[in-house]
Protein backbone atom coordinates (compact mmCIF):
# COMPACT_ATOMS: atom_id res chain seq x y z
CA MET A 1 0.00 0.00 0.00
CA GLU A 2 1.45 3.33 -1.03
CA ARG A 3 1.99 6.05 1.57
CA SER A 4 2.85 9.68 1.03
CA PHE A 5 6.39 10.58 1.97
CA ASP A 6 5.15 12.94 4.69
CA THR A 7 3.04 10.15 6.20
CA LEU A 8 5.99 7.76 6.14
CA ARG A 9 8.19 10.34 7.85
CA ASP A 10 5.55 10.87 10.54
CA ARG A 11 5.31 7.10 11.14
CA PHE A 12 9.09 6.50 11.14
CA GLU A 13 9.70 9.35 13.57
CA GLY A 14 6.69 8.36 15.66
CA CYS A 15 7.86 4.77 15.98
CA LEU A 16 11.33 5.66 17.24
CA LEU A 17 10.30 8.65 19.35
CA ALA A 18 7.46 6.77 21.04
CA GLY A 19 9.78 3.84 21.65
CA ALA A 20 12.25 6.20 23.33
CA ALA A 21 9.47 7.85 25.35
CA GLY A 22 8.18 4.51 26.63
CA ASP A 23 11.75 3.44 27.33
CA ALA A 24 12.48 6.62 29.31
CA LEU A 25 9.30 6.33 31.38
CA GLY A 26 10.13 2.74 32.20
CA TYR A 27 13.85 3.28 32.73
CA ALA A 28 13.11 5.71 35.57
CA ILE A 29 11.36 2.95 37.52
CA GLU A 30 13.07 -0.22 36.29
CA PHE A 31 13.86 -2.52 39.23
CA TRP A 32 11.35 -0.69 41.45
CA SER A 33 8.68 -2.70 43.22
CA GLU A 34 5.09 -1.79 42.52
CA GLY A 35 4.81 -0.54 46.08
CA GLU A 36 7.67 1.87 45.46
CA ILE A 37 6.21 3.05 42.14
CA PHE A 38 2.75 3.81 43.47
CA HIS A 39 4.01 5.28 46.72
CA ARG A 40 6.20 7.73 44.81
CA PHE A 41 3.82 8.66 41.99
CA GLY A 42 0.33 7.85 43.24
CA GLU A 43 -2.17 5.17 42.28
CA ASP A 44 -1.67 5.69 38.53
CA GLY A 45 2.11 5.40 38.68
CA ILE A 46 4.59 7.43 36.70
CA GLN A 47 2.84 9.61 34.13
CA THR A 48 5.19 12.09 32.47
CA LEU A 49 8.66 12.46 31.07
CA ALA A 50 9.17 15.36 33.49
CA GLN A 51 8.66 12.93 36.38
CA ALA A 52 11.12 10.51 34.80
CA ALA A 53 13.65 13.34 34.51
CA GLU A 54 13.25 14.12 38.21
CA VAL A 55 14.11 10.52 39.10
CA VAL A 56 17.49 10.79 37.36
CA HIS A 57 18.01 14.35 38.65
CA GLU A 58 18.29 15.77 35.15
CA ASN A 59 16.36 18.24 33.02
CA VAL A 60 15.37 15.48 30.61
CA ALA A 61 14.34 11.85 30.95
CA HIS A 62 17.07 9.40 30.01
CA PHE A 63 16.43 6.47 27.71
CA SER A 64 18.16 3.16 28.27
CA ASP A 65 20.27 0.78 26.25
CA ASP A 66 17.02 -0.26 24.54
CA THR A 67 16.83 2.99 22.58
CA GLN A 68 20.59 3.12 22.14
CA MET A 69 20.56 -0.28 20.45
CA THR A 70 17.45 0.56 18.44
CA LEU A 71 19.27 3.57 17.00
CA PHE A 72 22.31 1.44 16.22
CA THR A 73 20.02 -1.10 14.49
CA ALA A 74 18.78 1.70 12.26
CA ASN A 75 22.34 2.85 11.62
CA GLY A 76 23.39 -0.68 10.69
CA LEU A 77 20.53 -0.92 8.20
CA THR A 78 21.53 2.39 6.63
CA TYR A 79 25.17 1.30 6.51
CA GLY A 80 24.20 -1.95 4.80
CA MET A 81 22.34 -0.06 2.07
CA GLU A 82 25.26 2.33 1.66
CA ARG A 83 27.69 -0.58 1.46
CA THR A 84 26.05 -2.49 -1.39
CA GLY A 85 22.95 -0.63 -2.54
CA ALA A 86 21.04 -3.84 -1.84
CA ALA A 87 18.99 -4.93 1.14
CA PRO A 88 20.99 -4.85 4.39
CA GLU A 89 21.91 -8.08 6.13
CA ALA A 90 22.22 -9.21 9.72
CA ARG A 91 26.00 -8.83 9.54
CA ASP A 92 25.57 -5.09 8.95
CA ILE A 93 23.58 -4.92 12.18
CA TRP A 94 26.27 -6.95 13.96
CA LEU A 95 28.87 -4.35 12.98
CA ALA A 96 26.60 -1.63 14.33
CA TYR A 97 26.22 -3.48 17.63
CA GLN A 98 29.99 -3.78 17.90
CA GLU A 99 30.11 -0.02 17.67
CA TRP A 100 27.38 0.27 20.29
CA LEU A 101 29.67 -1.85 22.48
CA GLY A 102 32.31 0.81 21.93
CA THR A 103 29.97 3.43 23.37
CA GLN A 104 29.78 1.28 26.49
CA GLY A 105 33.51 1.62 27.04
CA ASP A 106 34.73 -1.50 25.24
CA GLU A 107 36.32 -0.79 21.86
CA SER A 108 37.94 -4.22 21.59
CA ARG A 109 35.80 -5.07 18.56
CA MET A 110 36.67 -1.82 16.79
CA THR A 111 40.43 -2.27 16.32
CA ASP A 112 40.31 -2.25 12.53
CA PRO A 113 41.87 1.12 11.54
CA ALA A 114 39.14 1.63 8.96
CA ARG A 115 36.55 1.78 11.73
CA PRO A 116 34.29 3.20 13.00
CA LYS A 117 32.32 3.10 9.78
CA MET A 118 29.00 4.38 11.04
CA ARG A 119 27.82 7.82 12.06
CA LEU A 120 26.30 7.12 15.45
CA TYR A 121 29.54 6.23 17.17
CA GLY A 122 30.49 9.90 16.94
CA GLU A 123 27.39 10.98 18.89
CA ARG A 124 28.78 11.67 22.35
CA ALA A 125 25.32 11.52 23.92
CA LEU A 126 25.23 7.80 23.19
CA HIS A 127 28.47 7.16 25.08
CA ALA A 128 26.61 6.45 28.30
CA LEU A 129 26.05 3.37 30.42
CA ARG A 130 22.31 2.82 30.72
CA ALA A 131 22.08 -0.60 32.34
CA PRO A 132 23.24 -2.50 29.23
CA GLY A 133 22.08 -6.09 29.08
CA GLY A 134 24.60 -8.72 30.10
CA THR A 135 23.65 -11.09 27.27
CA CYS A 136 24.31 -8.43 24.62
CA LEU A 137 27.59 -7.36 26.22
CA THR A 138 28.90 -10.91 26.56
CA ALA A 139 27.96 -11.95 23.04
CA LEU A 140 29.57 -8.88 21.51
CA ARG A 141 32.70 -9.10 23.63
CA THR A 142 33.41 -12.78 23.16
CA ARG A 143 32.32 -13.63 19.63
CA SER A 144 33.75 -12.60 16.29
CA LYS A 145 30.37 -12.99 14.64
CA GLY A 146 26.85 -13.29 15.90
CA GLY A 147 24.55 -16.24 16.07
CA THR A 148 21.72 -17.10 13.69
CA PRO A 149 18.32 -18.77 14.20
CA GLU A 150 19.97 -22.00 13.03
CA ARG A 151 23.31 -21.55 14.87
CA HIS A 152 22.56 -20.53 18.44
CA ILE A 153 25.10 -18.28 20.12
CA ASN A 154 23.81 -19.05 23.64
CA HIS A 155 20.60 -20.10 25.38
CA SER A 156 19.28 -16.66 26.33
CA LYS A 157 15.67 -15.68 25.71
CA GLY A 158 15.98 -12.27 27.35
CA CYS A 159 14.08 -9.33 25.92
CA GLY A 160 17.29 -7.69 24.67
CA GLY A 161 16.54 -9.06 21.21
CA VAL A 162 13.00 -7.80 20.70
CA MET A 163 13.46 -4.33 22.22
CA ARG A 164 15.83 -3.13 19.46
CA VAL A 165 14.46 -4.33 16.10
CA ALA A 166 11.63 -1.91 15.22
CA PRO A 167 13.74 -0.15 12.52
CA ILE A 168 13.69 -3.38 10.52
CA GLY A 169 9.91 -3.16 10.23
CA LEU A 170 10.17 0.49 9.22
CA LEU A 171 12.62 -0.37 6.46
CA ALA A 172 10.52 -3.29 5.22
CA SER A 173 7.51 -1.02 4.83
CA ILE A 174 9.16 0.65 1.83
CA ARG A 175 11.58 -2.01 0.56
CA ASP A 176 10.11 -5.14 -0.96
CA ASP A 177 13.47 -6.91 -0.75
CA VAL A 178 13.50 -6.79 3.07
CA ASP A 179 11.81 -9.72 4.82
CA ALA A 180 10.88 -8.16 8.16
CA LEU A 181 9.95 -11.43 9.86
CA ARG A 182 13.20 -13.14 8.90
CA LEU A 183 15.59 -10.21 9.34
CA GLY A 184 14.04 -9.29 12.69
CA ALA A 185 14.62 -12.83 13.93
CA GLU A 186 18.16 -12.83 12.55
CA ALA A 187 18.99 -9.51 14.19
CA ALA A 188 17.93 -10.77 17.62
CA ALA A 189 19.63 -14.15 17.13
CA LEU A 190 22.95 -12.32 16.79
CA THR A 191 23.03 -12.12 20.59
CA HIS A 192 20.12 -14.25 21.87
CA GLY A 193 20.18 -17.93 21.01
CA HIS A 194 17.01 -19.35 22.52
CA PRO A 195 14.16 -19.32 19.98
CA LEU A 196 12.06 -17.23 22.37
CA GLY A 197 14.88 -14.69 22.31
CA TRP A 198 14.55 -14.13 18.55
CA LEU A 199 11.01 -15.23 17.61
CA PRO A 200 9.39 -12.18 19.29
CA ALA A 201 11.76 -9.91 17.37
CA GLY A 202 10.59 -11.36 14.08
CA PHE A 203 6.98 -10.86 15.16
CA LEU A 204 7.57 -7.24 16.19
CA SER A 205 9.43 -6.36 12.99
CA SER A 206 6.66 -7.78 10.84
CA LEU A 207 3.99 -6.02 12.91
CA VAL A 208 5.72 -2.64 12.65
CA GLU A 209 5.88 -3.05 8.87
CA ARG A 210 2.13 -3.61 8.72
CA LEU A 211 1.33 -0.72 11.04
CA VAL A 212 3.31 1.79 9.01
CA LEU A 213 1.21 0.81 6.01
CA CYS A 214 -2.15 1.04 7.81
CA ASP A 215 -4.56 3.83 7.01
CA ALA A 216 -4.92 6.09 10.02
CA ALA A 217 -8.28 5.97 11.78
CA GLY A 218 -10.48 9.01 11.24
CA PRO A 219 -11.00 11.60 13.99
CA SER A 220 -14.08 9.82 15.33
CA ALA A 221 -12.93 6.27 14.64
CA SER A 222 -10.94 3.90 16.82
CA ASN A 223 -7.52 2.49 16.01
CA GLU A 224 -8.54 -0.82 17.59
CA PRO A 225 -9.74 -2.58 14.41
CA LEU A 226 -6.60 -1.55 12.53
CA LEU A 227 -4.26 -2.64 15.29
CA ARG A 228 -6.07 -5.90 15.95
CA ALA A 229 -6.12 -6.78 12.23
CA ALA A 230 -2.40 -6.06 11.92
CA ILE A 231 -1.65 -8.25 14.94
CA GLU A 232 -3.83 -11.07 13.65
CA ASP A 233 -2.26 -10.91 10.17
CA THR A 234 1.20 -10.95 11.72
CA TYR A 235 0.19 -13.87 13.90
CA ALA A 236 -0.98 -15.84 10.86
CA GLU A 237 2.25 -15.17 8.96
CA PHE A 238 4.33 -15.98 12.03
CA GLU A 239 2.50 -19.22 12.71
CA ASP A 240 2.94 -20.31 9.10
CA ARG A 241 6.59 -19.33 8.73
CA PHE A 242 7.79 -20.73 12.06
CA SER A 243 5.60 -23.84 12.24
CA ASP A 244 8.76 -25.96 12.44
CA VAL A 245 10.03 -24.21 15.60
CA PRO A 246 8.43 -25.87 18.64
CA GLU A 247 8.95 -22.83 20.87
CA ALA A 248 6.78 -20.71 18.57
CA ASP A 249 3.72 -22.23 20.23
CA ALA A 250 4.59 -20.57 23.54
CA LEU A 251 4.73 -17.16 21.89
CA CYS A 252 1.46 -17.76 20.07
CA VAL A 253 -0.26 -18.62 23.35
CA LEU A 254 0.93 -15.39 24.98
CA VAL A 255 -0.09 -13.28 21.98
CA LYS A 256 -3.59 -14.77 22.09
CA ASP A 257 -3.71 -14.16 25.84
CA ALA A 258 -2.73 -10.52 25.30
CA LEU A 259 -5.50 -10.04 22.75
CA ARG A 260 -8.07 -11.69 25.00
CA LEU A 261 -7.09 -9.66 28.07
CA ALA A 262 -7.09 -6.42 26.08
CA ARG A 263 -10.59 -7.13 24.87
CA GLU A 264 -11.72 -7.81 28.44
CA GLU A 265 -10.17 -4.53 29.60
CA ARG A 266 -11.91 -2.49 26.90
CA GLU A 267 -15.25 -4.15 27.60
CA ASN A 268 -15.18 -3.98 31.40
CA GLU A 269 -12.44 -1.50 32.38
CA GLN A 270 -11.06 -3.91 34.93
CA ASN A 271 -7.46 -3.62 36.09
CA ASP A 272 -4.57 -3.27 33.65
CA LEU A 273 -2.00 -4.31 36.22
CA GLN A 274 -3.80 -7.54 37.04
CA HIS A 275 -3.91 -8.36 33.34
CA ILE A 276 -0.20 -7.64 32.94
CA HIS A 277 0.58 -9.95 35.85
CA GLN A 278 -1.09 -12.75 33.89
CA LEU A 279 1.33 -12.13 31.00
CA GLY A 280 4.54 -12.03 33.04
CA GLU A 281 7.11 -9.40 33.93
CA GLY A 282 8.76 -8.76 30.58
CA TRP A 283 12.29 -9.88 31.35
CA VAL A 284 12.11 -12.47 28.57
CA GLY A 285 11.27 -11.79 24.96
CA GLU A 286 7.84 -13.37 24.68
CA GLU A 287 6.57 -11.66 27.84
CA ALA A 288 7.90 -8.23 26.82
CA LEU A 289 6.13 -8.49 23.48
CA ALA A 290 2.88 -9.74 25.05
CA ILE A 291 2.76 -6.94 27.64
CA ALA A 292 3.40 -4.33 24.95
CA LEU A 293 0.70 -5.79 22.70
CA TYR A 294 -1.75 -5.80 25.60
CA ALA A 295 -1.07 -2.17 26.55
CA CYS A 296 -1.48 -0.96 22.97
CA LEU A 297 -4.60 -2.97 22.22
CA ALA A 298 -6.26 -2.15 25.54
CA HIS A 299 -5.71 1.58 24.90
CA PRO A 300 -5.32 1.95 21.12
CA ASP A 301 -6.61 5.52 20.94
CA ASP A 302 -4.59 6.96 23.83
CA ILE A 303 -0.85 6.53 23.38
CA ALA A 304 -0.12 8.25 26.68
CA THR A 305 -2.23 5.74 28.62
CA ALA A 306 -0.86 2.82 26.61
CA LEU A 307 2.74 3.69 27.46
CA ARG A 308 1.92 4.33 31.11
CA VAL A 309 0.20 0.96 31.36
CA ALA A 310 3.18 -0.68 29.66
CA VAL A 311 5.66 0.60 32.26
CA ASN A 312 3.86 0.77 35.61
CA HIS A 313 4.60 -2.74 36.84
CA LYS A 314 7.35 -4.55 38.70
CA GLY A 315 9.01 -6.06 35.62
CA ASP A 316 11.29 -4.89 32.83
CA SER A 317 9.51 -1.57 32.49
CA ASP A 318 11.85 0.13 30.02
CA SER A 319 11.71 -2.72 27.52
CA THR A 320 7.94 -3.18 27.69
CA GLY A 321 7.54 0.59 27.36
CA ALA A 322 9.93 0.76 24.43
CA VAL A 323 8.21 -2.02 22.50
CA ALA A 324 4.75 -0.58 23.19
CA GLY A 325 5.96 2.80 21.95
CA ASN A 326 7.38 1.27 18.79
CA ILE A 327 4.08 -0.46 18.08
CA LEU A 328 1.65 2.37 18.63
CA GLY A 329 4.05 5.04 17.37
CA ALA A 330 4.30 3.23 14.03
CA LEU A 331 0.51 3.44 13.73
CA VAL A 332 -0.33 6.93 15.02
CA GLY A 333 2.89 8.78 14.17
CA ARG A 334 4.86 11.62 15.67
CA ALA A 335 2.12 14.24 15.53
CA GLN A 336 -0.16 12.31 17.89
CA LEU A 337 2.74 11.45 20.17
CA GLU A 338 3.57 15.13 20.56
CA MET A 339 0.04 15.78 21.74
CA ALA A 340 0.49 13.16 24.45
CA PHE A 341 4.00 13.85 25.75
CA ASP A 342 6.29 16.86 26.07
CA LEU A 343 9.20 15.61 23.99
CA THR A 344 11.38 18.52 25.11
CA LYS A 345 11.65 16.48 28.32
CA LEU A 346 13.04 13.49 26.40
CA GLU A 347 16.76 12.98 25.97
CA GLU A 348 18.05 13.72 22.44
CA PRO A 349 14.76 13.85 20.50
CA ASN A 350 16.47 15.59 17.57
CA LEU A 351 19.02 12.80 17.30
CA ILE A 352 16.25 10.20 17.25
CA VAL A 353 14.48 12.14 14.49
CA ARG A 354 17.70 12.36 12.45
CA VAL A 355 18.19 8.60 12.68
CA ALA A 356 14.58 7.94 11.62
CA ASP A 357 14.83 10.41 8.74
CA SER A 358 18.16 9.03 7.57
CA LEU A 359 16.73 5.51 7.44
CA LEU A 360 13.71 6.71 5.51
CA ASP A 361 15.63 8.95 3.12
CA TYR A 362 18.21 6.35 2.22
CA ALA A 363 15.71 3.51 1.94
CA SER A 364 13.49 5.61 -0.32
CA LYS A 365 16.44 6.39 -2.55
CA GLU A 366 17.39 2.74 -2.83
CA ALA A 367 13.88 1.26 -3.04
């Protein structure tokens, strides 16, 4: 489905900015108990980026390694297109992650004098330790090349794979030679070897592609039918393509649970937190995706509420917030996000926009 360039730009920027906003909200309270969250912020939990900034004693809310790695994923995709003019490959993303490792103080994988090759390494704002995941650090430090879905690098199914792959779905929305489901899985398998470490990443990438291409709901219409249809179509493709992976069944069960619980919440306005507890805590890939899907589908017309629901729990709040932001941001775009959150209170919003625009501009040139 064709989209105007302005609409694509709004969706690309919205996806990455909303992911960063959800990440920043959740990063402020990651590792907090629910008692601590609600005692500090009241019965609705953390609500604004200004509150998140106060937690870190800064003027802006910090995002975590989730957004850092998402930006490096986008940079790796752009580098791959620059390198060959063809569709980028997982190895291009691996090189980008090695450079992300350099921003975390370990340049051991960047000793080639021709490197760094990518633009983001020069962004000093990204040279910051934001609770980087141990699985990602270990894989990048100890291996010369990443794993694949067929050649497992380890047995981790942590959410560090799914939280960083949304740019692959963005790229696939305008390049027919990019298989979002496959490349998303491959990108996560670089560092996470358990199938439930990379299967959710394939699902998210494919879903983001579909959402970018959705028609926006009218001013009096709900986004729920669009979002539900995109999730169901992604589910059908996923189930067909990964029918030979036994662990795919576990992800399918959680996705169906997320859809069911979201429907119950919309019908009866019960308790979001109780529903999230039924899906897990988000530390592993399938739970992070399920919680994000639930938050978006339970509140499809209110991105502020969706992101707040995605983070105000005792689990991996930054990752569930980041994934929820990627999902709903890809559908509603930057303009709606800016009506929900004060992005001047978000760390480096202009950098995030530049990365989104660079990915779009280069992909459009090469498509």
